[in-house]
Amino acid sequence: MHTENNDNKLIMALNGAGVALAYGLLAVSLWLSTEVPLATKGYWAMGILLLTISLINVVKYRFDHRSSSDRISRIEEARNDKLL
């Protein structure tokens, strides 16, 4: 169990680094593009941030649903074991 926790921390750190790198590269790209007006850059940045928030919410709700389903199945298994 302790190894699994360390693996999860490593995976989360790698994912966090990847997201930070992607945001950094996007910021550099928006900063250096001189042909694109500032308003368009703002819309792009807002779109990326809103997409990120939406993806975080989707993952959270899927995780919550899976956790709830697991909890319900464990309760049903315990009830069935008591009945036997």
N, C-alpha and C. Protein backbone atom coordinates (compact mmCIF):
# COMPACT_ATOMS: atom_id res chain seq x y z
N MET A 1 0.83 -1.19 0.00
CA MET A 1 0.00 0.00 0.00
C MET A 1 0.87 1.25 0.00
N HIS A 2 2.00 1.20 0.72
CA HIS A 2 2.89 2.35 0.79
C HIS A 2 3.50 2.63 -0.58
N THR A 3 3.84 1.58 -1.33
CA THR A 3 4.41 1.75 -2.66
C THR A 3 3.40 2.35 -3.61
N GLU A 4 2.13 1.93 -3.48
CA GLU A 4 1.08 2.47 -4.34
C GLU A 4 0.93 3.97 -4.11
N ASN A 5 1.02 4.41 -2.87
CA ASN A 5 0.90 5.83 -2.56
C ASN A 5 2.05 6.61 -3.19
N ASN A 6 3.27 6.06 -3.13
CA ASN A 6 4.42 6.72 -3.75
C ASN A 6 4.27 6.77 -5.27
N ASP A 7 3.75 5.68 -5.86
CA ASP A 7 3.52 5.66 -7.31
C ASP A 7 2.51 6.73 -7.70
N ASN A 8 1.44 6.86 -6.92
CA ASN A 8 0.43 7.88 -7.22
C ASN A 8 1.03 9.27 -7.11
N LYS A 9 1.88 9.50 -6.13
CA LYS A 9 2.51 10.82 -5.98
C LYS A 9 3.42 11.11 -7.16
N LEU A 10 4.14 10.09 -7.63
CA LEU A 10 5.02 10.27 -8.77
C LEU A 10 4.21 10.58 -10.03
N ILE A 11 3.14 9.84 -10.24
CA ILE A 11 2.30 10.07 -11.42
C ILE A 11 1.67 11.45 -11.35
N MET A 12 1.19 11.86 -10.18
CA MET A 12 0.60 13.19 -10.02
C MET A 12 1.65 14.27 -10.27
N ALA A 13 2.88 14.06 -9.81
CA ALA A 13 3.94 15.05 -10.03
C ALA A 13 4.26 15.16 -11.52
N LEU A 14 4.34 14.03 -12.21
CA LEU A 14 4.61 14.05 -13.65
C LEU A 14 3.48 14.74 -14.41
N ASN A 15 2.25 14.45 -14.03
CA ASN A 15 1.11 15.10 -14.69
C ASN A 15 1.12 16.60 -14.40
N GLY A 16 1.41 16.98 -13.19
CA GLY A 16 1.48 18.40 -12.84
C GLY A 16 2.58 19.11 -13.62
N ALA A 17 3.72 18.46 -13.75
CA ALA A 17 4.82 19.05 -14.52
C ALA A 17 4.44 19.18 -15.99
N GLY A 18 3.74 18.20 -16.52
CA GLY A 18 3.30 18.27 -17.91
C GLY A 18 2.31 19.40 -18.14
N VAL A 19 1.38 19.57 -17.22
CA VAL A 19 0.41 20.66 -17.33
C VAL A 19 1.11 22.01 -17.22
N ALA A 20 2.03 22.13 -16.26
CA ALA A 20 2.77 23.40 -16.10
C ALA A 20 3.59 23.70 -17.35
N LEU A 21 4.22 22.68 -17.93
CA LEU A 21 4.99 22.87 -19.15
C LEU A 21 4.09 23.30 -20.31
N ALA A 22 2.92 22.67 -20.41
CA ALA A 22 1.99 23.03 -21.48
C ALA A 22 1.51 24.46 -21.33
N TYR A 23 1.18 24.86 -20.11
CA TYR A 23 0.77 26.25 -19.88
C TYR A 23 1.91 27.21 -20.17
N GLY A 24 3.12 26.86 -19.77
CA GLY A 24 4.27 27.71 -20.03
C GLY A 24 4.52 27.89 -21.53
N LEU A 25 4.47 26.78 -22.26
CA LEU A 25 4.68 26.87 -23.71
C LEU A 25 3.55 27.66 -24.39
N LEU A 26 2.32 27.48 -23.91
CA LEU A 26 1.20 28.25 -24.45
C LEU A 26 1.39 29.74 -24.17
N ALA A 27 1.82 30.08 -22.95
CA ALA A 27 2.04 31.48 -22.61
C ALA A 27 3.14 32.09 -23.47
N VAL A 28 4.23 31.35 -23.67
CA VAL A 28 5.32 31.84 -24.53
C VAL A 28 4.82 32.03 -25.96
N SER A 29 4.04 31.07 -26.44
CA SER A 29 3.51 31.16 -27.80
C SER A 29 2.60 32.37 -27.96
N LEU A 30 1.72 32.60 -26.99
CA LEU A 30 0.83 33.76 -27.06
C LEU A 30 1.62 35.06 -26.93
N TRP A 31 2.63 35.06 -26.10
CA TRP A 31 3.43 36.27 -25.87
C TRP A 31 4.24 36.64 -27.12
N LEU A 32 4.79 35.64 -27.79
CA LEU A 32 5.67 35.90 -28.92
C LEU A 32 4.95 36.09 -30.25
N SER A 33 3.67 35.71 -30.33
CA SER A 33 2.95 35.87 -31.61
C SER A 33 2.55 37.33 -31.77
N THR A 34 3.21 38.01 -32.69
CA THR A 34 2.99 39.44 -32.86
C THR A 34 1.85 39.75 -33.82
N GLU A 35 1.47 38.83 -34.69
CA GLU A 35 0.39 39.10 -35.65
C GLU A 35 -0.99 38.99 -35.04
N VAL A 36 -1.10 38.34 -33.89
CA VAL A 36 -2.40 38.11 -33.26
C VAL A 36 -2.70 39.27 -32.30
N PRO A 37 -3.90 39.88 -32.42
CA PRO A 37 -4.23 40.97 -31.51
C PRO A 37 -4.37 40.49 -30.06
N LEU A 38 -4.22 41.42 -29.13
CA LEU A 38 -4.27 41.09 -27.71
C LEU A 38 -5.63 40.51 -27.30
N ALA A 39 -6.70 41.02 -27.88
CA ALA A 39 -8.03 40.51 -27.54
C ALA A 39 -8.16 39.04 -27.91
N THR A 40 -7.63 38.66 -29.06
CA THR A 40 -7.69 37.25 -29.47
C THR A 40 -6.86 36.38 -28.54
N LYS A 41 -5.71 36.88 -28.13
CA LYS A 41 -4.89 36.13 -27.17
C LYS A 41 -5.64 35.93 -25.86
N GLY A 42 -6.36 36.93 -25.42
CA GLY A 42 -7.15 36.81 -24.19
C GLY A 42 -8.23 35.76 -24.31
N TYR A 43 -8.92 35.74 -25.46
CA TYR A 43 -9.95 34.72 -25.68
C TYR A 43 -9.35 33.33 -25.68
N TRP A 44 -8.21 33.17 -26.33
CA TRP A 44 -7.54 31.87 -26.33
C TRP A 44 -7.18 31.46 -24.91
N ALA A 45 -6.62 32.36 -24.15
CA ALA A 45 -6.21 32.04 -22.78
C ALA A 45 -7.42 31.68 -21.92
N MET A 46 -8.51 32.46 -22.04
CA MET A 46 -9.72 32.14 -21.28
C MET A 46 -10.28 30.78 -21.68
N GLY A 47 -10.26 30.49 -22.97
CA GLY A 47 -10.76 29.20 -23.44
C GLY A 47 -9.96 28.04 -22.88
N ILE A 48 -8.64 28.18 -22.85
CA ILE A 48 -7.79 27.12 -22.30
C ILE A 48 -8.05 26.94 -20.81
N LEU A 49 -8.15 28.04 -20.07
CA LEU A 49 -8.40 27.94 -18.63
C LEU A 49 -9.77 27.33 -18.34
N LEU A 50 -10.80 27.74 -19.08
CA LEU A 50 -12.13 27.17 -18.87
C LEU A 50 -12.18 25.69 -19.25
N LEU A 51 -11.47 25.31 -20.31
CA LEU A 51 -11.39 23.90 -20.69
C LEU A 51 -10.71 23.09 -19.59
N THR A 52 -9.66 23.64 -19.00
CA THR A 52 -8.96 22.96 -17.91
C THR A 52 -9.89 22.76 -16.72
N ILE A 53 -10.63 23.79 -16.35
CA ILE A 53 -11.57 23.68 -15.24
C ILE A 53 -12.64 22.63 -15.54
N SER A 54 -13.15 22.62 -16.76
CA SER A 54 -14.15 21.62 -17.14
C SER A 54 -13.60 20.21 -17.06
N LEU A 55 -12.38 20.01 -17.52
CA LEU A 55 -11.78 18.67 -17.47
C LEU A 55 -11.56 18.22 -16.03
N ILE A 56 -11.15 19.14 -15.16
CA ILE A 56 -10.97 18.80 -13.75
C ILE A 56 -12.31 18.38 -13.15
N ASN A 57 -13.38 19.09 -13.48
CA ASN A 57 -14.70 18.74 -12.96
C ASN A 57 -15.16 17.39 -13.47
N VAL A 58 -14.92 17.10 -14.75
CA VAL A 58 -15.33 15.81 -15.30
C VAL A 58 -14.61 14.68 -14.58
N VAL A 59 -13.31 14.83 -14.39
CA VAL A 59 -12.54 13.79 -13.71
C VAL A 59 -13.01 13.63 -12.27
N LYS A 60 -13.28 14.75 -11.58
CA LYS A 60 -13.74 14.68 -10.19
C LYS A 60 -15.08 13.97 -10.09
N TYR A 61 -16.04 14.30 -10.98
CA TYR A 61 -17.34 13.67 -10.92
C TYR A 61 -17.27 12.19 -11.27
N ARG A 62 -16.41 11.82 -12.22
CA ARG A 62 -16.25 10.40 -12.53
C ARG A 62 -15.65 9.65 -11.35
N PHE A 63 -14.65 10.26 -10.70
CA PHE A 63 -14.03 9.64 -9.53
C PHE A 63 -15.06 9.49 -8.41
N ASP A 64 -15.85 10.53 -8.16
CA ASP A 64 -16.88 10.47 -7.12
C ASP A 64 -17.91 9.38 -7.42
N HIS A 65 -18.31 9.27 -8.69
CA HIS A 65 -19.29 8.24 -9.07
C HIS A 65 -18.71 6.85 -8.86
N ARG A 66 -17.46 6.65 -9.25
CA ARG A 66 -16.82 5.35 -9.07
C ARG A 66 -16.66 5.01 -7.60
N SER A 67 -16.28 5.99 -6.80
CA SER A 67 -16.14 5.79 -5.37
C SER A 67 -17.49 5.43 -4.73
N SER A 68 -18.53 6.11 -5.16
CA SER A 68 -19.87 5.83 -4.64
C SER A 68 -20.31 4.42 -5.03
N SER A 69 -20.07 4.03 -6.28
CA SER A 69 -20.44 2.69 -6.72
C SER A 69 -19.68 1.62 -5.94
N ASP A 70 -18.39 1.85 -5.70
CA ASP A 70 -17.60 0.89 -4.91
C ASP A 70 -18.14 0.78 -3.49
N ARG A 71 -18.49 1.90 -2.91
CA ARG A 71 -19.00 1.90 -1.54
C ARG A 71 -20.34 1.14 -1.46
N ILE A 72 -21.20 1.37 -2.45
CA ILE A 72 -22.50 0.68 -2.47
C ILE A 72 -22.29 -0.82 -2.64
N SER A 73 -21.37 -1.22 -3.52
CA SER A 73 -21.15 -2.66 -3.72
C SER A 73 -20.56 -3.30 -2.47
N ARG A 74 -19.68 -2.58 -1.74
CA ARG A 74 -19.14 -3.14 -0.49
C ARG A 74 -20.23 -3.29 0.57
N ILE A 75 -21.14 -2.34 0.63
CA ILE A 75 -22.25 -2.44 1.59
C ILE A 75 -23.14 -3.62 1.23
N GLU A 76 -23.44 -3.80 -0.06
CA GLU A 76 -24.27 -4.93 -0.47
C GLU A 76 -23.58 -6.26 -0.19
N GLU A 77 -22.27 -6.33 -0.42
CA GLU A 77 -21.54 -7.56 -0.12
C GLU A 77 -21.56 -7.87 1.37
N ALA A 78 -21.39 -6.86 2.19
CA ALA A 78 -21.43 -7.07 3.64
C ALA A 78 -22.81 -7.52 4.08
N ARG A 79 -23.84 -6.95 3.49
CA ARG A 79 -25.21 -7.35 3.84
C ARG A 79 -25.46 -8.79 3.41
N ASN A 80 -25.01 -9.17 2.22
CA ASN A 80 -25.19 -10.54 1.76
C ASN A 80 -24.42 -11.53 2.60
N ASP A 81 -23.22 -11.16 3.07
CA ASP A 81 -22.45 -12.03 3.94
C ASP A 81 -23.15 -12.22 5.27
N LYS A 82 -23.80 -11.18 5.78
CA LYS A 82 -24.54 -11.30 7.04
C LYS A 82 -25.74 -12.21 6.88
N LEU A 83 -26.38 -12.15 5.71
CA LEU A 83 -27.55 -12.98 5.48
C LEU A 83 -27.19 -14.46 5.37
N LEU A 84 -25.99 -14.75 4.88
CA LEU A 84 -25.59 -16.15 4.75
C LEU A 84 -25.21 -16.64 6.11
